[in-house]
Amino acid sequence: MDDKALQVQISELNAKVDLLLEHVNEQRLKTNQLEDLVSDISIVGKDVYDTAVVELENRQVELDPDQLKGLGLRFLRNIGNFRDLLITFESMADLVKDVTPIVNETIMDFTDKLDEFDRKGYFEFLRESGNVLDKVITKVSADDMKQLADNIEPMLEMLKALGRPEVIQGMKNATQALAETSSQKVPEVSVFRMMRELNKPEMKKALGFMVTFMKNFSTQQS
């Protein structure tokens, strides 16, 4: 081996030794720092312990070392459970962050809908409905309600009959005719004019309707 190759190996060896010494020095510094930290923590811990002991003595609180030891062991055994609990809390916090905008939007929509109902008079209608119901309860006795229950079947039949389109149209025509007649000035009619009016087709049809109605009514009565 020539001198040049030997010199290269020596240089490489020196570099590796320098790296090793640097690493050892770093480890020594870390060890010193750790020892200083442990020392500081020990001092602080002792001060905290002494203060806690004095405070507990002043408050006449006695601690059982065995109980504290058992509590510490239980805490160490349940570290995994605490970790899972923290993960659950984090998931809940994320869920709350995601759901909060949706909830706020829902509340705003609900508030707008309530305002719309108020402007349309829904709440006023409900208040007045309550007053009507209160008056009904005040005026209607238990016997009246019993009679209503006994006669509910014919009343339902009547409501079904009133719901037929031809019946509703007839009631509408009668209401409109009554309204128009009430708004007009009704003339005096002599017997001869009444006879002439009765001969008109529309009057004959009306009379036929009345006669048929009376016949059907009589049939229902019998």
N, C-alpha and C. Protein backbone atom coordinates (compact mmCIF):
# COMPACT_ATOMS: atom_id res chain seq x y z
N MET A 1 0.86 -1.19 0.00
CA MET A 1 0.00 0.00 0.00
C MET A 1 0.89 1.23 0.00
N ASP A 2 0.63 2.17 -0.91
CA ASP A 2 1.47 3.35 -0.99
C ASP A 2 1.05 4.37 0.05
N ASP A 3 1.82 5.38 0.21
CA ASP A 3 1.57 6.41 1.24
C ASP A 3 0.28 7.18 0.97
N LYS A 4 -0.04 7.38 -0.32
CA LYS A 4 -1.25 8.16 -0.65
C LYS A 4 -2.49 7.42 -0.22
N ALA A 5 -2.56 6.13 -0.48
CA ALA A 5 -3.73 5.33 -0.09
C ALA A 5 -3.84 5.26 1.41
N LEU A 6 -2.69 5.14 2.10
CA LEU A 6 -2.70 5.09 3.56
C LEU A 6 -3.20 6.40 4.14
N GLN A 7 -2.80 7.48 3.52
CA GLN A 7 -3.23 8.80 4.00
C GLN A 7 -4.75 8.97 3.85
N VAL A 8 -5.29 8.44 2.75
CA VAL A 8 -6.75 8.53 2.53
C VAL A 8 -7.49 7.75 3.60
N GLN A 9 -7.01 6.54 3.93
CA GLN A 9 -7.66 5.73 4.95
C GLN A 9 -7.59 6.42 6.31
N ILE A 10 -6.43 7.02 6.59
CA ILE A 10 -6.28 7.72 7.88
C ILE A 10 -7.25 8.89 7.95
N SER A 11 -7.41 9.61 6.84
CA SER A 11 -8.34 10.76 6.82
C SER A 11 -9.79 10.30 7.03
N GLU A 12 -10.14 9.19 6.35
CA GLU A 12 -11.49 8.66 6.54
C GLU A 12 -11.72 8.21 7.98
N LEU A 13 -10.70 7.57 8.54
CA LEU A 13 -10.82 7.11 9.93
C LEU A 13 -10.96 8.29 10.88
N ASN A 14 -10.19 9.33 10.64
CA ASN A 14 -10.30 10.54 11.48
C ASN A 14 -11.69 11.16 11.38
N ALA A 15 -12.25 11.16 10.15
CA ALA A 15 -13.59 11.73 9.97
C ALA A 15 -14.63 10.93 10.74
N LYS A 16 -14.50 9.58 10.68
CA LYS A 16 -15.44 8.74 11.41
C LYS A 16 -15.29 8.93 12.91
N VAL A 17 -14.05 9.07 13.38
CA VAL A 17 -13.81 9.31 14.81
C VAL A 17 -14.42 10.63 15.23
N ASP A 18 -14.26 11.65 14.38
CA ASP A 18 -14.85 12.97 14.69
C ASP A 18 -16.37 12.87 14.79
N LEU A 19 -17.00 12.12 13.85
CA LEU A 19 -18.46 11.94 13.90
C LEU A 19 -18.87 11.21 15.17
N LEU A 20 -18.06 10.18 15.53
CA LEU A 20 -18.38 9.42 16.74
C LEU A 20 -18.25 10.31 17.98
N LEU A 21 -17.18 11.10 18.02
CA LEU A 21 -17.00 12.00 19.17
C LEU A 21 -18.13 13.04 19.23
N GLU A 22 -18.54 13.53 18.05
CA GLU A 22 -19.64 14.51 18.01
C GLU A 22 -20.95 13.89 18.51
N HIS A 23 -21.19 12.64 18.09
CA HIS A 23 -22.40 11.94 18.54
C HIS A 23 -22.36 11.71 20.05
N VAL A 24 -21.16 11.28 20.56
CA VAL A 24 -21.01 11.06 22.00
C VAL A 24 -21.21 12.36 22.75
N ASN A 25 -20.71 13.44 22.21
CA ASN A 25 -20.87 14.73 22.87
C ASN A 25 -22.33 15.16 22.91
N GLU A 26 -23.05 14.92 21.78
CA GLU A 26 -24.48 15.25 21.75
C GLU A 26 -25.26 14.43 22.77
N GLN A 27 -24.92 13.14 22.87
CA GLN A 27 -25.59 12.30 23.84
C GLN A 27 -25.30 12.76 25.27
N ARG A 28 -24.07 13.18 25.49
CA ARG A 28 -23.71 13.68 26.82
C ARG A 28 -24.50 14.95 27.16
N LEU A 29 -24.63 15.82 26.15
CA LEU A 29 -25.40 17.05 26.38
C LEU A 29 -26.87 16.74 26.66
N LYS A 30 -27.42 15.79 25.88
CA LYS A 30 -28.81 15.41 26.10
C LYS A 30 -28.99 14.79 27.48
N THR A 31 -27.99 13.97 27.88
CA THR A 31 -28.07 13.35 29.20
C THR A 31 -28.01 14.41 30.29
N ASN A 32 -27.12 15.39 30.11
CA ASN A 32 -27.03 16.47 31.09
C ASN A 32 -28.32 17.27 31.16
N GLN A 33 -28.89 17.54 29.97
CA GLN A 33 -30.15 18.29 29.93
C GLN A 33 -31.27 17.51 30.61
N LEU A 34 -31.29 16.18 30.34
CA LEU A 34 -32.31 15.34 30.96
C LEU A 34 -32.13 15.30 32.47
N GLU A 35 -30.87 15.20 32.91
CA GLU A 35 -30.62 15.21 34.34
C GLU A 35 -31.03 16.53 34.97
N ASP A 36 -30.74 17.63 34.27
CA ASP A 36 -31.16 18.94 34.79
C ASP A 36 -32.68 19.03 34.86
N LEU A 37 -33.37 18.51 33.80
CA LEU A 37 -34.83 18.56 33.78
C LEU A 37 -35.41 17.73 34.91
N VAL A 38 -34.84 16.51 35.10
CA VAL A 38 -35.31 15.65 36.18
C VAL A 38 -35.08 16.32 37.52
N SER A 39 -33.94 16.96 37.65
CA SER A 39 -33.64 17.66 38.90
C SER A 39 -34.63 18.78 39.15
N ASP A 40 -34.90 19.58 38.11
CA ASP A 40 -35.86 20.68 38.26
C ASP A 40 -37.25 20.15 38.58
N ILE A 41 -37.65 19.09 37.85
CA ILE A 41 -38.97 18.52 38.11
C ILE A 41 -39.05 17.97 39.53
N SER A 42 -37.95 17.36 39.99
CA SER A 42 -37.93 16.82 41.35
C SER A 42 -38.11 17.94 42.37
N ILE A 43 -37.43 19.06 42.11
CA ILE A 43 -37.54 20.18 43.04
C ILE A 43 -38.97 20.73 43.05
N VAL A 44 -39.52 20.93 41.81
CA VAL A 44 -40.89 21.44 41.72
C VAL A 44 -41.88 20.45 42.32
N GLY A 45 -41.67 19.16 42.01
CA GLY A 45 -42.56 18.14 42.55
C GLY A 45 -42.52 18.10 44.06
N LYS A 46 -41.31 18.23 44.62
CA LYS A 46 -41.20 18.23 46.08
C LYS A 46 -41.91 19.43 46.68
N ASP A 47 -41.74 20.59 46.03
CA ASP A 47 -42.43 21.79 46.53
C ASP A 47 -43.95 21.61 46.45
N VAL A 48 -44.41 21.06 45.31
CA VAL A 48 -45.85 20.83 45.17
C VAL A 48 -46.34 19.83 46.21
N TYR A 49 -45.55 18.76 46.43
CA TYR A 49 -45.93 17.75 47.40
C TYR A 49 -45.99 18.34 48.80
N ASP A 50 -44.96 19.12 49.16
CA ASP A 50 -44.94 19.73 50.49
C ASP A 50 -46.12 20.68 50.67
N THR A 51 -46.40 21.47 49.62
CA THR A 51 -47.53 22.40 49.70
C THR A 51 -48.84 21.65 49.83
N ALA A 52 -48.96 20.56 49.05
CA ALA A 52 -50.19 19.78 49.12
C ALA A 52 -50.37 19.15 50.49
N VAL A 53 -49.27 18.63 51.07
CA VAL A 53 -49.35 18.03 52.40
C VAL A 53 -49.79 19.05 53.44
N VAL A 54 -49.19 20.24 53.37
CA VAL A 54 -49.56 21.29 54.33
C VAL A 54 -51.03 21.68 54.15
N GLU A 55 -51.46 21.83 52.89
CA GLU A 55 -52.85 22.21 52.63
C GLU A 55 -53.81 21.13 53.12
N LEU A 56 -53.47 19.88 52.87
CA LEU A 56 -54.32 18.78 53.33
C LEU A 56 -54.38 18.71 54.85
N GLU A 57 -53.22 18.96 55.50
CA GLU A 57 -53.21 18.98 56.97
C GLU A 57 -54.06 20.12 57.50
N ASN A 58 -53.99 21.28 56.84
CA ASN A 58 -54.80 22.42 57.29
C ASN A 58 -56.29 22.12 57.14
N ARG A 59 -56.65 21.39 56.12
CA ARG A 59 -58.06 21.06 55.88
C ARG A 59 -58.45 19.73 56.53
N GLN A 60 -57.51 19.14 57.28
CA GLN A 60 -57.77 17.89 58.01
C GLN A 60 -58.22 16.78 57.07
N VAL A 61 -57.48 16.64 55.95
CA VAL A 61 -57.76 15.58 54.98
C VAL A 61 -56.65 14.55 55.08
N GLU A 62 -57.05 13.28 55.27
CA GLU A 62 -56.08 12.20 55.38
C GLU A 62 -56.13 11.35 54.11
N LEU A 63 -54.95 11.07 53.58
CA LEU A 63 -54.84 10.25 52.37
C LEU A 63 -54.18 8.93 52.71
N ASP A 64 -54.78 7.87 52.16
CA ASP A 64 -54.23 6.54 52.35
C ASP A 64 -53.27 6.24 51.20
N PRO A 65 -52.00 6.02 51.47
CA PRO A 65 -51.05 5.74 50.38
C PRO A 65 -51.45 4.54 49.54
N ASP A 66 -52.01 3.52 50.20
CA ASP A 66 -52.44 2.34 49.43
C ASP A 66 -53.55 2.69 48.46
N GLN A 67 -54.48 3.55 48.91
CA GLN A 67 -55.55 3.97 48.01
C GLN A 67 -55.00 4.77 46.85
N LEU A 68 -54.05 5.68 47.12
CA LEU A 68 -53.43 6.45 46.05
C LEU A 68 -52.70 5.53 45.07
N LYS A 69 -52.03 4.52 45.64
CA LYS A 69 -51.34 3.58 44.77
C LYS A 69 -52.32 2.83 43.88
N GLY A 70 -53.41 2.37 44.50
CA GLY A 70 -54.43 1.67 43.70
C GLY A 70 -55.04 2.56 42.64
N LEU A 71 -55.26 3.84 43.01
CA LEU A 71 -55.81 4.78 42.04
C LEU A 71 -54.84 4.99 40.89
N GLY A 72 -53.55 5.10 41.20
CA GLY A 72 -52.56 5.28 40.15
C GLY A 72 -52.49 4.07 39.22
N LEU A 73 -52.57 2.88 39.82
CA LEU A 73 -52.55 1.66 39.00
C LEU A 73 -53.78 1.58 38.10
N ARG A 74 -54.93 1.92 38.66
CA ARG A 74 -56.15 1.92 37.84
C ARG A 74 -56.04 2.92 36.69
N PHE A 75 -55.47 4.08 36.99
CA PHE A 75 -55.29 5.08 35.94
C PHE A 75 -54.38 4.55 34.84
N LEU A 76 -53.29 3.89 35.22
CA LEU A 76 -52.38 3.36 34.22
C LEU A 76 -53.03 2.24 33.41
N ARG A 77 -53.87 1.41 34.08
CA ARG A 77 -54.52 0.33 33.36
C ARG A 77 -55.56 0.85 32.37
N ASN A 78 -56.10 2.04 32.64
CA ASN A 78 -57.18 2.57 31.79
C ASN A 78 -56.70 3.67 30.85
N ILE A 79 -55.41 3.75 30.63
CA ILE A 79 -54.90 4.76 29.70
C ILE A 79 -55.50 4.55 28.32
N GLY A 80 -55.63 3.29 27.90
CA GLY A 80 -56.24 3.01 26.59
C GLY A 80 -57.67 3.49 26.52
N ASN A 81 -58.41 3.27 27.62
CA ASN A 81 -59.80 3.76 27.64
C ASN A 81 -59.86 5.28 27.58
N PHE A 82 -58.95 5.93 28.31
CA PHE A 82 -58.90 7.39 28.25
C PHE A 82 -58.58 7.87 26.83
N ARG A 83 -57.68 7.15 26.17
CA ARG A 83 -57.34 7.52 24.80
C ARG A 83 -58.57 7.39 23.89
N ASP A 84 -59.30 6.27 24.04
CA ASP A 84 -60.50 6.08 23.23
C ASP A 84 -61.54 7.16 23.54
N LEU A 85 -61.63 7.54 24.82
CA LEU A 85 -62.58 8.57 25.21
C LEU A 85 -62.22 9.92 24.58
N LEU A 86 -60.93 10.23 24.57
CA LEU A 86 -60.50 11.48 23.94
C LEU A 86 -60.77 11.46 22.44
N ILE A 87 -60.55 10.29 21.82
CA ILE A 87 -60.84 10.17 20.38
C ILE A 87 -62.33 10.39 20.13
N THR A 88 -63.16 9.83 21.02
CA THR A 88 -64.62 10.02 20.88
C THR A 88 -64.98 11.49 21.01
N PHE A 89 -64.38 12.17 21.99
CA PHE A 89 -64.64 13.60 22.17
C PHE A 89 -64.21 14.40 20.93
N GLU A 90 -63.07 14.04 20.36
CA GLU A 90 -62.61 14.72 19.16
C GLU A 90 -63.59 14.50 18.00
N SER A 91 -64.08 13.25 17.88
CA SER A 91 -65.06 12.96 16.82
C SER A 91 -66.34 13.75 17.04
N MET A 92 -66.78 13.83 18.30
CA MET A 92 -67.98 14.60 18.60
C MET A 92 -67.78 16.08 18.29
N ALA A 93 -66.60 16.59 18.61
CA ALA A 93 -66.32 17.99 18.32
C ALA A 93 -66.34 18.25 16.82
N ASP A 94 -65.76 17.33 16.04
CA ASP A 94 -65.79 17.47 14.58
C ASP A 94 -67.23 17.40 14.07
N LEU A 95 -68.01 16.48 14.66
CA LEU A 95 -69.42 16.35 14.25
C LEU A 95 -70.19 17.62 14.53
N VAL A 96 -69.93 18.21 15.70
CA VAL A 96 -70.62 19.46 16.05
C VAL A 96 -70.25 20.57 15.07
N LYS A 97 -68.98 20.62 14.68
CA LYS A 97 -68.55 21.64 13.72
C LYS A 97 -69.25 21.45 12.38
N ASP A 98 -69.43 20.17 11.97
CA ASP A 98 -70.09 19.91 10.69
C ASP A 98 -71.59 20.15 10.75
N VAL A 99 -72.19 19.83 11.90
CA VAL A 99 -73.65 19.91 12.01
C VAL A 99 -74.11 21.33 12.33
N THR A 100 -73.27 22.13 12.97
CA THR A 100 -73.68 23.48 13.41
C THR A 100 -74.23 24.32 12.26
N PRO A 101 -73.58 24.40 11.08
CA PRO A 101 -74.17 25.21 9.99
C PRO A 101 -75.53 24.69 9.56
N ILE A 102 -75.69 23.36 9.53
CA ILE A 102 -76.98 22.78 9.13
C ILE A 102 -78.06 23.14 10.15
N VAL A 103 -77.71 23.04 11.43
CA VAL A 103 -78.68 23.36 12.49
C VAL A 103 -79.06 24.84 12.42
N ASN A 104 -78.04 25.70 12.21
CA ASN A 104 -78.33 27.14 12.12
C ASN A 104 -79.25 27.44 10.94
N GLU A 105 -78.99 26.79 9.81
CA GLU A 105 -79.84 27.01 8.64
C GLU A 105 -81.26 26.51 8.89
N THR A 106 -81.37 25.36 9.56
CA THR A 106 -82.70 24.81 9.88
C THR A 106 -83.45 25.75 10.81
N ILE A 107 -82.76 26.29 11.82
CA ILE A 107 -83.41 27.21 12.76
C ILE A 107 -83.87 28.47 12.02
N MET A 108 -83.04 28.98 11.11
CA MET A 108 -83.43 30.18 10.35
C MET A 108 -84.65 29.89 9.48
N ASP A 109 -84.64 28.72 8.81
CA ASP A 109 -85.80 28.35 7.99
C ASP A 109 -87.05 28.21 8.84
N PHE A 110 -86.91 27.60 10.01
CA PHE A 110 -88.06 27.44 10.91
C PHE A 110 -88.57 28.79 11.38
N THR A 111 -87.64 29.71 11.70
CA THR A 111 -88.04 31.05 12.13
C THR A 111 -88.75 31.79 11.01
N ASP A 112 -88.23 31.67 9.80
CA ASP A 112 -88.90 32.31 8.66
C ASP A 112 -90.29 31.75 8.43
N LYS A 113 -90.43 30.43 8.60
CA LYS A 113 -91.74 29.81 8.42
C LYS A 113 -92.73 30.28 9.50
N LEU A 114 -92.24 30.40 10.74
CA LEU A 114 -93.10 30.92 11.79
C LEU A 114 -93.53 32.35 11.50
N ASP A 115 -92.60 33.16 10.99
CA ASP A 115 -92.95 34.53 10.63
C ASP A 115 -93.99 34.56 9.51
N GLU A 116 -93.83 33.65 8.54
CA GLU A 116 -94.81 33.56 7.46
C GLU A 116 -96.19 33.19 8.00
N PHE A 117 -96.23 32.20 8.91
CA PHE A 117 -97.50 31.80 9.50
C PHE A 117 -98.13 32.96 10.27
N ASP A 118 -97.29 33.74 10.96
CA ASP A 118 -97.81 34.87 11.74
C ASP A 118 -98.39 35.93 10.81
N ARG A 119 -97.68 36.20 9.68
CA ARG A 119 -98.18 37.20 8.75
C ARG A 119 -99.48 36.75 8.08
N LYS A 120 -99.63 35.45 7.87
CA LYS A 120 -100.85 34.93 7.25
C LYS A 120 -102.01 34.81 8.24
N GLY A 121 -101.71 34.99 9.54
CA GLY A 121 -102.78 34.97 10.53
C GLY A 121 -103.07 33.62 11.13
N TYR A 122 -102.13 32.66 10.98
CA TYR A 122 -102.37 31.33 11.52
C TYR A 122 -102.49 31.37 13.04
N PHE A 123 -101.58 32.10 13.68
CA PHE A 123 -101.58 32.12 15.14
C PHE A 123 -102.82 32.84 15.68
N GLU A 124 -103.23 33.91 14.99
CA GLU A 124 -104.45 34.61 15.39
C GLU A 124 -105.66 33.69 15.24
N PHE A 125 -105.64 32.90 14.16
CA PHE A 125 -106.72 31.95 13.96
C PHE A 125 -106.76 30.91 15.08
N LEU A 126 -105.61 30.43 15.49
CA LEU A 126 -105.56 29.46 16.58
C LEU A 126 -106.04 30.07 17.89
N ARG A 127 -105.67 31.33 18.14
CA ARG A 127 -106.14 31.99 19.36
C ARG A 127 -107.65 32.12 19.36
N GLU A 128 -108.20 32.57 18.24
CA GLU A 128 -109.65 32.72 18.15
C GLU A 128 -110.34 31.35 18.20
N SER A 129 -109.72 30.33 17.62
CA SER A 129 -110.28 28.99 17.70
C SER A 129 -110.34 28.53 19.16
N GLY A 130 -109.31 28.89 19.92
CA GLY A 130 -109.33 28.56 21.34
C GLY A 130 -110.48 29.25 22.06
N ASN A 131 -110.74 30.51 21.70
CA ASN A 131 -111.87 31.22 22.31
C ASN A 131 -113.19 30.57 21.95
N VAL A 132 -113.32 30.18 20.67
CA VAL A 132 -114.55 29.51 20.24
C VAL A 132 -114.73 28.20 21.00
N LEU A 133 -113.67 27.41 21.10
CA LEU A 133 -113.75 26.14 21.82
C LEU A 133 -114.10 26.36 23.28
N ASP A 134 -113.55 27.41 23.86
CA ASP A 134 -113.86 27.71 25.26
C ASP A 134 -115.35 28.05 25.43
N LYS A 135 -115.89 28.81 24.50
CA LYS A 135 -117.32 29.14 24.58
C LYS A 135 -118.18 27.91 24.36
N VAL A 136 -117.76 27.04 23.43
CA VAL A 136 -118.52 25.81 23.19
C VAL A 136 -118.54 24.95 24.44
N ILE A 137 -117.37 24.79 25.08
CA ILE A 137 -117.30 23.98 26.30
C ILE A 137 -118.15 24.60 27.41
N THR A 138 -118.16 25.95 27.44
CA THR A 138 -118.95 26.62 28.48
C THR A 138 -120.45 26.43 28.26
N LYS A 139 -120.88 26.48 27.01
CA LYS A 139 -122.32 26.43 26.71
C LYS A 139 -122.86 25.01 26.55
N VAL A 140 -122.02 24.06 26.15
CA VAL A 140 -122.48 22.70 25.88
C VAL A 140 -122.25 21.85 27.13
N SER A 141 -123.32 21.22 27.59
CA SER A 141 -123.24 20.39 28.78
C SER A 141 -122.89 18.95 28.41
N ALA A 142 -122.71 18.11 29.46
CA ALA A 142 -122.42 16.71 29.22
C ALA A 142 -123.61 16.00 28.58
N ASP A 143 -124.83 16.40 28.97
CA ASP A 143 -126.02 15.79 28.36
C ASP A 143 -126.10 16.14 26.88
N ASP A 144 -125.72 17.38 26.54
CA ASP A 144 -125.73 17.76 25.13
C ASP A 144 -124.74 16.91 24.34
N MET A 145 -123.60 16.67 24.91
CA MET A 145 -122.61 15.85 24.23
C MET A 145 -123.10 14.41 24.09
N LYS A 146 -123.84 13.91 25.11
CA LYS A 146 -124.38 12.55 25.02
C LYS A 146 -125.42 12.46 23.90
N GLN A 147 -126.28 13.47 23.82
CA GLN A 147 -127.27 13.49 22.74
C GLN A 147 -126.59 13.58 21.37
N LEU A 148 -125.53 14.35 21.30
CA LEU A 148 -124.79 14.46 20.05
C LEU A 148 -124.20 13.11 19.67
N ALA A 149 -123.66 12.39 20.66
CA ALA A 149 -123.11 11.07 20.37
C ALA A 149 -124.19 10.09 19.92
N ASP A 150 -125.38 10.19 20.54
CA ASP A 150 -126.48 9.29 20.16
C ASP A 150 -126.98 9.56 18.75
N ASN A 151 -126.88 10.81 18.31
CA ASN A 151 -127.41 11.19 17.00
C ASN A 151 -126.32 11.43 15.97
N ILE A 152 -125.13 10.94 16.25
CA ILE A 152 -124.02 11.23 15.35
C ILE A 152 -124.19 10.55 14.00
N GLU A 153 -124.83 9.37 13.97
CA GLU A 153 -124.98 8.65 12.71
C GLU A 153 -125.86 9.42 11.72
N PRO A 154 -127.09 9.87 12.10
CA PRO A 154 -127.88 10.66 11.14
C PRO A 154 -127.21 11.98 10.77
N MET A 155 -126.44 12.55 11.70
CA MET A 155 -125.74 13.79 11.37
C MET A 155 -124.67 13.54 10.32
N LEU A 156 -123.98 12.41 10.44
CA LEU A 156 -122.97 12.07 9.43
C LEU A 156 -123.60 11.82 8.07
N GLU A 157 -124.77 11.17 8.09
CA GLU A 157 -125.48 10.96 6.83
C GLU A 157 -125.88 12.30 6.21
N MET A 158 -126.28 13.23 7.06
CA MET A 158 -126.65 14.54 6.55
C MET A 158 -125.45 15.26 5.97
N LEU A 159 -124.32 15.14 6.64
CA LEU A 159 -123.10 15.77 6.12
C LEU A 159 -122.68 15.14 4.80
N LYS A 160 -122.84 13.82 4.69
CA LYS A 160 -122.51 13.16 3.43
C LYS A 160 -123.43 13.66 2.31
N ALA A 161 -124.71 13.85 2.65
CA ALA A 161 -125.65 14.36 1.64
C ALA A 161 -125.31 15.79 1.26
N LEU A 162 -124.94 16.59 2.24
CA LEU A 162 -124.57 17.98 1.94
C LEU A 162 -123.30 18.06 1.11
N GLY A 163 -122.47 17.03 1.17
CA GLY A 163 -121.22 17.05 0.41
C GLY A 163 -121.38 16.68 -1.05
N ARG A 164 -122.57 16.28 -1.45
CA ARG A 164 -122.78 15.95 -2.87
C ARG A 164 -122.72 17.22 -3.72
N PRO A 165 -122.13 17.15 -4.90
CA PRO A 165 -121.96 18.36 -5.73
C PRO A 165 -123.27 19.06 -6.06
N GLU A 166 -124.32 18.29 -6.36
CA GLU A 166 -125.57 18.93 -6.73
C GLU A 166 -126.20 19.66 -5.56
N VAL A 167 -126.03 19.11 -4.35
CA VAL A 167 -126.57 19.77 -3.16
C VAL A 167 -125.81 21.06 -2.90
N ILE A 168 -124.49 20.99 -3.00
CA ILE A 168 -123.68 22.20 -2.78
C ILE A 168 -124.02 23.26 -3.82
N GLN A 169 -124.19 22.86 -5.07
CA GLN A 169 -124.53 23.83 -6.11
C GLN A 169 -125.90 24.44 -5.84
N GLY A 170 -126.87 23.62 -5.38
CA GLY A 170 -128.19 24.16 -5.06
C GLY A 170 -128.15 25.16 -3.92
N MET A 171 -127.36 24.83 -2.88
CA MET A 171 -127.22 25.76 -1.75
C MET A 171 -126.54 27.04 -2.20
N LYS A 172 -125.56 26.91 -3.08
CA LYS A 172 -124.89 28.10 -3.60
C LYS A 172 -125.85 28.98 -4.39
N ASN A 173 -126.69 28.34 -5.25
CA ASN A 173 -127.68 29.10 -6.03
C ASN A 173 -128.68 29.79 -5.11
N ALA A 174 -129.14 29.07 -4.08
CA ALA A 174 -130.10 29.65 -3.15
C ALA A 174 -129.49 30.83 -2.41
N THR A 175 -128.25 30.71 -2.01
CA THR A 175 -127.57 31.80 -1.29
C THR A 175 -127.40 33.02 -2.18
N GLN A 176 -126.98 32.79 -3.42
CA GLN A 176 -126.82 33.91 -4.34
C GLN A 176 -128.16 34.58 -4.64
N ALA A 177 -129.21 33.74 -4.82
CA ALA A 177 -130.54 34.32 -5.08
C ALA A 177 -131.03 35.14 -3.90
N LEU A 178 -130.80 34.65 -2.68
CA LEU A 178 -131.20 35.40 -1.49
C LEU A 178 -130.43 36.70 -1.38
N ALA A 179 -129.14 36.65 -1.70
CA ALA A 179 -128.34 37.88 -1.62
C ALA A 179 -128.81 38.90 -2.65
N GLU A 180 -129.08 38.46 -3.88
CA GLU A 180 -129.55 39.38 -4.92
C GLU A 180 -130.92 39.94 -4.58
N THR A 181 -131.80 39.10 -4.04
CA THR A 181 -133.14 39.56 -3.67
C THR A 181 -133.07 40.59 -2.54
N SER A 182 -132.18 40.35 -1.60
CA SER A 182 -132.05 41.28 -0.47
C SER A 182 -131.53 42.63 -0.92
N SER A 183 -130.71 42.64 -1.98
CA SER A 183 -130.14 43.90 -2.45
C SER A 183 -131.08 44.65 -3.40
N GLN A 184 -132.12 44.01 -3.85
CA GLN A 184 -133.06 44.65 -4.79
C GLN A 184 -134.28 45.20 -4.05
N LYS A 185 -134.91 46.13 -4.70
CA LYS A 185 -136.17 46.67 -4.17
C LYS A 185 -137.31 45.78 -4.67
N VAL A 186 -137.95 45.07 -3.72
CA VAL A 186 -138.99 44.11 -4.08
C VAL A 186 -140.30 44.87 -4.34
N PRO A 187 -140.87 44.73 -5.55
CA PRO A 187 -142.12 45.45 -5.85
C PRO A 187 -143.33 44.71 -5.28
N GLU A 188 -144.42 45.47 -5.15
CA GLU A 188 -145.68 44.85 -4.75
C GLU A 188 -146.31 44.15 -5.95
N VAL A 189 -146.79 42.92 -5.72
CA VAL A 189 -147.33 42.10 -6.81
C VAL A 189 -148.82 41.85 -6.54
N SER A 190 -149.63 42.14 -7.54
CA SER A 190 -151.07 41.89 -7.42
C SER A 190 -151.36 40.41 -7.71
N VAL A 191 -152.61 40.02 -7.45
CA VAL A 191 -152.99 38.63 -7.68
C VAL A 191 -152.92 38.28 -9.16
N PHE A 192 -153.37 39.21 -10.02
CA PHE A 192 -153.33 38.93 -11.45
C PHE A 192 -151.90 38.82 -11.96
N ARG A 193 -151.02 39.69 -11.47
CA ARG A 193 -149.62 39.61 -11.91
C ARG A 193 -148.97 38.33 -11.41
N MET A 194 -149.33 37.92 -10.20
CA MET A 194 -148.78 36.69 -9.66
C MET A 194 -149.21 35.50 -10.52
N MET A 195 -150.45 35.53 -10.98
CA MET A 195 -150.93 34.44 -11.83
C MET A 195 -150.17 34.43 -13.15
N ARG A 196 -149.91 35.63 -13.70
CA ARG A 196 -149.14 35.70 -14.94
C ARG A 196 -147.71 35.17 -14.73
N GLU A 197 -147.13 35.52 -13.59
CA GLU A 197 -145.77 35.07 -13.31
C GLU A 197 -145.71 33.56 -13.14
N LEU A 198 -146.79 33.00 -12.54
CA LEU A 198 -146.82 31.56 -12.33
C LEU A 198 -146.89 30.78 -13.63
N ASN A 199 -147.38 31.42 -14.67
CA ASN A 199 -147.48 30.76 -15.97
C ASN A 199 -146.15 30.74 -16.73
N LYS A 200 -145.13 31.45 -16.24
CA LYS A 200 -143.84 31.46 -16.91
C LYS A 200 -143.10 30.13 -16.65
N PRO A 201 -142.30 29.68 -17.61
CA PRO A 201 -141.63 28.38 -17.49
C PRO A 201 -140.75 28.26 -16.23
N GLU A 202 -140.02 29.36 -15.93
CA GLU A 202 -139.12 29.25 -14.78
C GLU A 202 -139.89 29.12 -13.47
N MET A 203 -141.08 29.79 -13.39
CA MET A 203 -141.89 29.68 -12.19
C MET A 203 -142.52 28.30 -12.10
N LYS A 204 -142.94 27.75 -13.24
CA LYS A 204 -143.49 26.40 -13.23
C LYS A 204 -142.43 25.40 -12.77
N LYS A 205 -141.21 25.63 -13.24
CA LYS A 205 -140.13 24.73 -12.82
C LYS A 205 -139.87 24.86 -11.32
N ALA A 206 -139.92 26.11 -10.80
CA ALA A 206 -139.72 26.32 -9.37
C ALA A 206 -140.83 25.67 -8.57
N LEU A 207 -142.07 25.82 -9.05
CA LEU A 207 -143.19 25.18 -8.35
C LEU A 207 -143.05 23.66 -8.38
N GLY A 208 -142.64 23.13 -9.53
CA GLY A 208 -142.42 21.70 -9.61
C GLY A 208 -141.36 21.23 -8.63
N PHE A 209 -140.32 22.03 -8.50
CA PHE A 209 -139.25 21.71 -7.53
C PHE A 209 -139.81 21.70 -6.12
N MET A 210 -140.62 22.71 -5.77
CA MET A 210 -141.18 22.79 -4.44
C MET A 210 -142.11 21.61 -4.16
N VAL A 211 -142.96 21.28 -5.14
CA VAL A 211 -143.89 20.17 -4.95
C VAL A 211 -143.13 18.86 -4.75
N THR A 212 -142.10 18.65 -5.60
CA THR A 212 -141.29 17.43 -5.48
C THR A 212 -140.58 17.39 -4.14
N PHE A 213 -140.06 18.55 -3.72
CA PHE A 213 -139.37 18.62 -2.43
C PHE A 213 -140.30 18.27 -1.28
N MET A 214 -141.50 18.81 -1.31
CA MET A 214 -142.47 18.55 -0.24
C MET A 214 -142.87 17.09 -0.23
N LYS A 215 -143.06 16.48 -1.41
CA LYS A 215 -143.42 15.08 -1.48
C LYS A 215 -142.29 14.21 -0.87
N ASN A 216 -141.05 14.53 -1.25
CA ASN A 216 -139.92 13.75 -0.71
C ASN A 216 -139.79 13.94 0.79
N PHE A 217 -140.04 15.16 1.23
CA PHE A 217 -139.97 15.45 2.67
C PHE A 217 -141.03 14.67 3.42
N SER A 218 -142.23 14.64 2.87
CA SER A 218 -143.31 13.90 3.50
C SER A 218 -143.00 12.41 3.55
N THR A 219 -142.35 11.91 2.48
CA THR A 219 -141.97 10.51 2.46
C THR A 219 -140.95 10.18 3.55
N GLN A 220 -140.02 11.08 3.75
CA GLN A 220 -139.00 10.88 4.80
C GLN A 220 -139.63 10.93 6.18
N GLN A 221 -140.68 11.74 6.34
CA GLN A 221 -141.31 11.89 7.64
C GLN A 221 -142.14 10.65 8.00
N SER A 222 -142.70 9.99 6.99
CA SER A 222 -143.59 8.86 7.25
C SER A 222 -142.80 7.57 7.56
